[in-house]
PDB file of N, CA and C in Angstrom:
ATOM      1  N   MET A   1       0.799  -1.353  -0.314  1.00  0.00           N
ATOM      2  CA  MET A   1      -0.207   0.097  -0.166  1.00  0.00           C
ATOM      3  C   MET A   1       0.841   1.440   0.126  1.00  0.00           C
ATOM      4  N   PRO A   2       1.095   2.046  -0.802  1.00  0.00           N
ATOM      5  CA  PRO A   2       1.727   3.187  -1.029  1.00  0.00           C
ATOM      6  C   PRO A   2       0.931   4.265   0.071  1.00  0.00           C
ATOM      7  N   TRP A   3       2.029   5.223   0.878  1.00  0.00           N
ATOM      8  CA  TRP A   3       1.829   5.481   1.816  1.00  0.00           C
ATOM      9  C   TRP A   3       1.476   7.470   1.483  1.00  0.00           C
ATOM     10  N   ASN A   4       1.755   8.183   1.814  1.00  0.00           N
ATOM     11  CA  ASN A   4       1.132   9.827   1.216  1.00  0.00           C
ATOM     12  C   ASN A   4       1.065  10.794   3.083  1.00  0.00           C
ATOM     13  N   LYS A   5       1.379  11.899   2.834  1.00  0.00           N
ATOM     14  CA  LYS A   5       1.291  12.837   4.084  1.00  0.00           C
ATOM     15  C   LYS A   5       0.226  12.924   5.316  1.00  0.00           C
ATOM     16  N   ASP A   6      -0.910  11.735   4.685  1.00  0.00           N
ATOM     17  CA  ASP A   6      -1.829  12.069   5.573  1.00  0.00           C
ATOM     18  C   ASP A   6      -1.849  10.425   5.755  1.00  0.00           C
ATOM     19  N   ASN A   7      -1.578   9.553   5.599  1.00  0.00           N
ATOM     20  CA  ASN A   7      -1.394   7.945   5.795  1.00  0.00           C
ATOM     21  C   ASN A   7      -0.285   7.784   5.868  1.00  0.00           C
ATOM     22  N   TYR A   8       0.141   6.871   6.309  1.00  0.00           N
ATOM     23  CA  TYR A   8       1.496   6.996   6.732  1.00  0.00           C
ATOM     24  C   TYR A   8       1.650   6.048   8.021  1.00  0.00           C
ATOM     25  N   PRO A   9       2.915   4.666   8.272  1.00  0.00           N
ATOM     26  CA  PRO A   9       2.981   4.399   9.220  1.00  0.00           C
ATOM     27  C   PRO A   9       3.451   4.770  10.204  1.00  0.00           C
ATOM     28  N   ASP A  10       2.247   4.211  11.637  1.00  0.00           N
ATOM     29  CA  ASP A  10       2.192   4.852  12.750  1.00  0.00           C
ATOM     30  C   ASP A  10       3.903   5.119  13.530  1.00  0.00           C
ATOM     31  N   SER A  11       5.015   4.162  13.089  1.00  0.00           N
ATOM     32  CA  SER A  11       6.283   4.302  13.761  1.00  0.00           C
ATOM     33  C   SER A  11       6.716   5.705  12.893  1.00  0.00           C
ATOM     34  N   LEU A  12       6.391   6.706  12.540  1.00  0.00           N
ATOM     35  CA  LEU A  12       6.671   7.859  11.521  1.00  0.00           C
ATOM     36  C   LEU A  12       5.484   9.247  12.644  1.00  0.00           C
ATOM     37  N   LYS A  13       4.812   8.442  12.953  1.00  0.00           N
ATOM     38  CA  LYS A  13       3.820   9.666  13.775  1.00  0.00           C
ATOM     39  C   LYS A  13       4.942  10.966  14.639  1.00  0.00           C
ATOM     40  N   ASN A  14       6.278  10.417  15.010  1.00  0.00           N
ATOM     41  CA  ASN A  14       6.504  11.764  15.789  1.00  0.00           C
ATOM     42  C   ASN A  14       8.156  12.550  15.415  1.00  0.00           C
ATOM     43  N   PHE A  15       8.354  11.993  13.946  1.00  0.00           N
ATOM     44  CA  PHE A  15       8.621  12.619  12.739  1.00  0.00           C
ATOM     45  C   PHE A  15       8.427  13.695  12.535  1.00  0.00           C
ATOM     46  N   MET A  16       9.399  14.951  12.203  1.00  0.00           N
ATOM     47  CA  MET A  16       9.113  16.209  12.036  1.00  0.00           C
ATOM     48  C   MET A  16       8.715  16.070  10.389  1.00  0.00           C
ATOM     49  N   ALA A  17       8.114  16.657   9.614  1.00  0.00           N
ATOM     50  CA  ALA A  17       7.321  16.526   8.144  1.00  0.00           C
ATOM     51  C   ALA A  17       8.277  16.593   7.168  1.00  0.00           C
ATOM     52  N   PRO A  18       9.187  17.191   7.382  1.00  0.00           N
ATOM     53  CA  PRO A  18      10.016  17.047   5.896  1.00  0.00           C
ATOM     54  C   PRO A  18      11.116  15.730   6.064  1.00  0.00           C
ATOM     55  N   VAL A  19      11.686  14.838   7.509  1.00  0.00           N
ATOM     56  CA  VAL A  19      12.284  13.855   7.218  1.00  0.00           C
ATOM     57  C   VAL A  19      10.951  12.386   7.358  1.00  0.00           C
ATOM     58  N   ARG A  20       9.870  12.993   7.798  1.00  0.00           N
ATOM     59  CA  ARG A  20       8.689  12.472   7.839  1.00  0.00           C
ATOM     60  C   ARG A  20       8.182  11.866   5.964  1.00  0.00           C
ATOM     61  N   ASN A  21       8.310  12.672   5.431  1.00  0.00           N
ATOM     62  CA  ASN A  21       7.828  12.879   4.043  1.00  0.00           C
ATOM     63  C   ASN A  21       9.190  12.315   3.145  1.00  0.00           C
ATOM     64  N   LYS A  22       9.988  12.164   3.428  1.00  0.00           N
ATOM     65  CA  LYS A  22      11.556  12.014   3.008  1.00  0.00           C
ATOM     66  C   LYS A  22      11.469   9.933   3.598  1.00  0.00           C
ATOM     67  N   ALA A  23      11.191   9.954   3.995  1.00  0.00           N
ATOM     68  CA  ALA A  23      10.656   8.367   4.788  1.00  0.00           C
ATOM     69  C   ALA A  23       9.698   7.873   4.024  1.00  0.00           C
ATOM     70  N   ILE A  24       8.372   8.527   3.724  1.00  0.00           N
ATOM     71  CA  ILE A  24       7.332   8.110   2.890  1.00  0.00           C
ATOM     72  C   ILE A  24       7.778   7.514   1.410  1.00  0.00           C
ATOM     73  N   ASP A  25       8.667   9.085   1.014  1.00  0.00           N
ATOM     74  CA  ASP A  25       8.921   8.799  -0.851  1.00  0.00           C
ATOM     75  C   ASP A  25      10.057   7.448  -1.437  1.00  0.00           C
ATOM     76  N   ILE A  26      10.574   7.444   0.464  1.00  0.00           N
ATOM     77  CA  ILE A  26      12.170   5.907   0.174  1.00  0.00           C
ATOM     78  C   ILE A  26      10.784   5.189  -0.048  1.00  0.00           C
ATOM     79  N   ALA A  27      10.393   4.911   1.396  1.00  0.00           N
ATOM     80  CA  ALA A  27       9.424   3.671   1.235  1.00  0.00           C
ATOM     81  C   ALA A  27       8.368   3.242   0.319  1.00  0.00           C
ATOM     82  N   ASN A  28       8.205   4.140  -0.254  1.00  0.00           N
ATOM     83  CA  ASN A  28       7.449   3.509  -1.634  1.00  0.00           C
ATOM     84  C   ASN A  28       7.533   3.656  -3.093  1.00  0.00           C
ATOM     85  N   ALA A  29       8.992   3.796  -2.630  1.00  0.00           N
ATOM     86  CA  ALA A  29       9.697   3.337  -3.880  1.00  0.00           C
ATOM     87  C   ALA A  29      10.298   2.639  -3.533  1.00  0.00           C
ATOM     88  N   LEU A  30      10.857   2.002  -2.670  1.00  0.00           N
ATOM     89  CA  LEU A  30      10.793   0.385  -2.280  1.00  0.00           C
ATOM     90  C   LEU A  30      10.129  -0.458  -2.138  1.00  0.00           C
ATOM     91  N   LEU A  31       8.894   0.233  -1.770  1.00  0.00           N
ATOM     92  CA  LEU A  31       7.728  -1.447  -2.328  1.00  0.00           C
ATOM     93  C   LEU A  31       7.291  -1.309  -3.620  1.00  0.00           C
ATOM     94  N   GLU A  32       7.778  -0.086  -4.481  1.00  0.00           N
ATOM     95  CA  GLU A  32       8.111  -0.413  -5.902  1.00  0.00           C
ATOM     96  C   GLU A  32       8.646  -1.076  -6.863  1.00  0.00           C
ATOM     97  N   ASP A  33       9.886  -1.470  -6.093  1.00  0.00           N
ATOM     98  CA  ASP A  33      10.752  -2.572  -5.844  1.00  0.00           C
ATOM     99  C   ASP A  33      10.971  -4.499  -5.514  1.00  0.00           C
ATOM    100  N   GLY A  34       9.750  -4.432  -4.842  1.00  0.00           N
ATOM    101  CA  GLY A  34       9.000  -5.412  -3.972  1.00  0.00           C
ATOM    102  C   GLY A  34       9.729  -5.310  -2.741  1.00  0.00           C
ATOM    103  N   TYR A  35      10.012  -4.506  -1.864  1.00  0.00           N
ATOM    104  CA  TYR A  35      10.513  -5.262  -0.936  1.00  0.00           C
ATOM    105  C   TYR A  35       9.050  -5.536  -0.348  1.00  0.00           C
ATOM    106  N   ASP A  36       9.151  -6.065   1.142  1.00  0.00           N
ATOM    107  CA  ASP A  36       7.763  -6.159   1.928  1.00  0.00           C
ATOM    108  C   ASP A  36       7.292  -5.278   2.672  1.00  0.00           C
ATOM    109  N   GLU A  37       6.579  -5.052   3.087  1.00  0.00           N
ATOM    110  CA  GLU A  37       6.387  -3.141   3.876  1.00  0.00           C
ATOM    111  C   GLU A  37       7.073  -2.564   4.775  1.00  0.00           C
ATOM    112  N   GLY A  38       7.090  -4.251   5.983  1.00  0.00           N
ATOM    113  CA  GLY A  38       8.114  -3.928   6.841  1.00  0.00           C
ATOM    114  C   GLY A  38       9.509  -3.640   6.935  1.00  0.00           C
ATOM    115  N   ARG A  39       9.485  -4.703   5.581  1.00  0.00           N
ATOM    116  CA  ARG A  39      11.611  -4.228   5.513  1.00  0.00           C
ATOM    117  C   ARG A  39      11.692  -2.961   4.906  1.00  0.00           C
ATOM    118  N   ALA A  40      10.659  -2.278   3.727  1.00  0.00           N
ATOM    119  CA  ALA A  40      10.419  -0.854   3.563  1.00  0.00           C
ATOM    120  C   ALA A  40      10.906  -0.016   4.575  1.00  0.00           C
ATOM    121  N   ILE A  41       9.975   0.126   5.212  1.00  0.00           N
ATOM    122  CA  ILE A  41       9.533   1.277   6.469  1.00  0.00           C
ATOM    123  C   ILE A  41      10.771   0.900   7.417  1.00  0.00           C
ATOM    124  N   ALA A  42      11.469  -0.309   7.518  1.00  0.00           N
ATOM    125  CA  ALA A  42      12.883   0.229   8.097  1.00  0.00           C
ATOM    126  C   ALA A  42      13.982   0.650   7.802  1.00  0.00           C
ATOM    127  N   ILE A  43      13.791   0.213   6.456  1.00  0.00           N
ATOM    128  CA  ILE A  43      14.994   1.017   5.019  1.00  0.00           C
ATOM    129  C   ILE A  43      14.725   2.484   5.061  1.00  0.00           C
ATOM    130  N   ALA A  44      13.393   2.863   5.197  1.00  0.00           N
ATOM    131  CA  ALA A  44      13.296   4.152   5.147  1.00  0.00           C
ATOM    132  C   ALA A  44      13.624   4.937   5.848  1.00  0.00           C
ATOM    133  N   THR A  45      13.031   4.257   7.230  1.00  0.00           N
ATOM    134  CA  THR A  45      13.599   5.212   8.143  1.00  0.00           C
ATOM    135  C   THR A  45      14.989   5.270   8.631  1.00  0.00           C
ATOM    136  N   ALA A  46      15.575   4.558   8.514  1.00  0.00           N
ATOM    137  CA  ALA A  46      16.545   4.856   8.588  1.00  0.00           C
ATOM    138  C   ALA A  46      18.026   5.591   7.494  1.00  0.00           C
ATOM    139  N   GLN A  47      17.417   5.614   6.253  1.00  0.00           N
ATOM    140  CA  GLN A  47      17.903   6.537   5.305  1.00  0.00           C
ATOM    141  C   GLN A  47      17.081   8.030   5.439  1.00  0.00           C
ATOM    142  N   ALA A  48      15.494   8.057   5.845  1.00  0.00           N
ATOM    143  CA  ALA A  48      15.182   9.437   6.189  1.00  0.00           C
ATOM    144  C   ALA A  48      16.268  10.035   7.216  1.00  0.00           C
ATOM    145  N   LYS A  49      16.255   9.625   8.163  1.00  0.00           N
ATOM    146  CA  LYS A  49      16.986   9.850   9.830  1.00  0.00           C
ATOM    147  C   LYS A  49      18.583  10.362   8.724  1.00  0.00           C
ATOM    148  N   GLU A  50      19.005   9.615   8.323  1.00  0.00           N
ATOM    149  CA  GLU A  50      20.640  10.020   7.810  1.00  0.00           C
ATOM    150  C   GLU A  50      20.259  11.002   6.962  1.00  0.00           C
ATOM    151  N   TRP A  51      19.704  11.155   6.234  1.00  0.00           N
ATOM    152  CA  TRP A  51      19.112  12.642   5.475  1.00  0.00           C
ATOM    153  C   TRP A  51      19.013  13.625   6.153  1.00  0.00           C
ATOM    154  N   GLY A  52      18.155  13.320   7.238  1.00  0.00           N
ATOM    155  CA  GLY A  52      17.999  14.449   8.049  1.00  0.00           C
ATOM    156  C   GLY A  52      19.047  15.217   8.691  1.00  0.00           C
ATOM    157  N   GLU A  53      20.089  14.544   9.488  1.00  0.00           N
ATOM    158  CA  GLU A  53      21.201  14.428   9.852  1.00  0.00           C
ATOM    159  C   GLU A  53      21.871  15.284   9.134  1.00  0.00           C
ATOM    160  N   ASN A  54      22.078  14.764   8.090  1.00  0.00           N
ATOM    161  CA  ASN A  54      23.293  15.692   6.842  1.00  0.00           C
ATOM    162  C   ASN A  54      22.340  17.009   6.207  1.00  0.00           C
ATOM    163  N   HIS A  55      21.098  17.323   6.713  1.00  0.00           N
ATOM    164  CA  HIS A  55      21.070  18.456   5.804  1.00  0.00           C
ATOM    165  C   HIS A  55      20.005  19.086   7.239  1.00  0.00           C
ATOM    166  N   ASP A  56      20.925  19.178   8.500  1.00  0.00           N
ATOM    167  CA  ASP A  56      20.825  19.902   9.323  1.00  0.00           C
ATOM    168  C   ASP A  56      18.593  19.968   9.597  1.00  0.00           C
ATOM    169  N   LYS A  57      18.482  18.717   9.451  1.00  0.00           N
ATOM    170  CA  LYS A  57      16.899  18.922  10.058  1.00  0.00           C
ATOM    171  C   LYS A  57      16.187  18.240  11.621  1.00  0.00           C
ATOM    172  N   GLN A  58      15.782  18.763  12.245  1.00  0.00           N
ATOM    173  CA  GLN A  58      15.095  18.142  13.351  1.00  0.00           C
ATOM    174  C   GLN A  58      14.926  17.222  12.818  1.00  0.00           C
ATOM    175  N   ILE A  59      14.662  16.469  14.067  1.00  0.00           N
ATOM    176  CA  ILE A  59      14.332  14.516  13.554  1.00  0.00           C
ATOM    177  C   ILE A  59      12.977  14.401  13.957  1.00  0.00           C
ATOM    178  N   ARG A  60      13.337  14.209  14.891  1.00  0.00           N
ATOM    179  CA  ARG A  60      11.814  14.522  16.122  1.00  0.00           C
ATOM    180  C   ARG A  60      10.739  15.364  16.354  1.00  0.00           C
ATOM    181  N   LYS A  61       9.750  15.305  16.609  1.00  0.00           N
ATOM    182  CA  LYS A  61       8.772  16.327  17.442  1.00  0.00           C
ATOM    183  C   LYS A  61       9.655  16.199  18.977  1.00  0.00           C
ATOM    184  N   LYS A  62       9.778  17.361  18.880  1.00  0.00           N
ATOM    185  CA  LYS A  62       9.782  17.806  20.246  1.00  0.00           C
ATOM    186  C   LYS A  62       8.531  17.008  21.632  1.00  0.00           C
ATOM    187  N   ASN A  63       9.287  16.533  22.572  1.00  0.00           N
ATOM    188  CA  ASN A  63       7.866  16.487  23.594  1.00  0.00           C
ATOM    189  C   ASN A  63       7.764  17.496  24.765  1.00  0.00           C
ATOM    190  N   THR A  64       6.736  17.450  24.577  1.00  0.00           N
ATOM    191  CA  THR A  64       6.047  18.799  25.492  1.00  0.00           C
ATOM    192  C   THR A  64       5.744  18.490  26.871  1.00  0.00           C
TER     193      THR A  64
END
């Protein structure tokens, strides 16, 4: 199932929007390449976190 900014895995809910959107893009590409959902989410999460760190983005929402 492809994801979008309104419908994405629960594991991405605490990520800031730019990092979450990058993870969604990566996960969708992995799904198109034949990866199963669980593996696609895991890979996309790791790559999006790395992308965020390399672009000086805040990764997770701050707890209040």
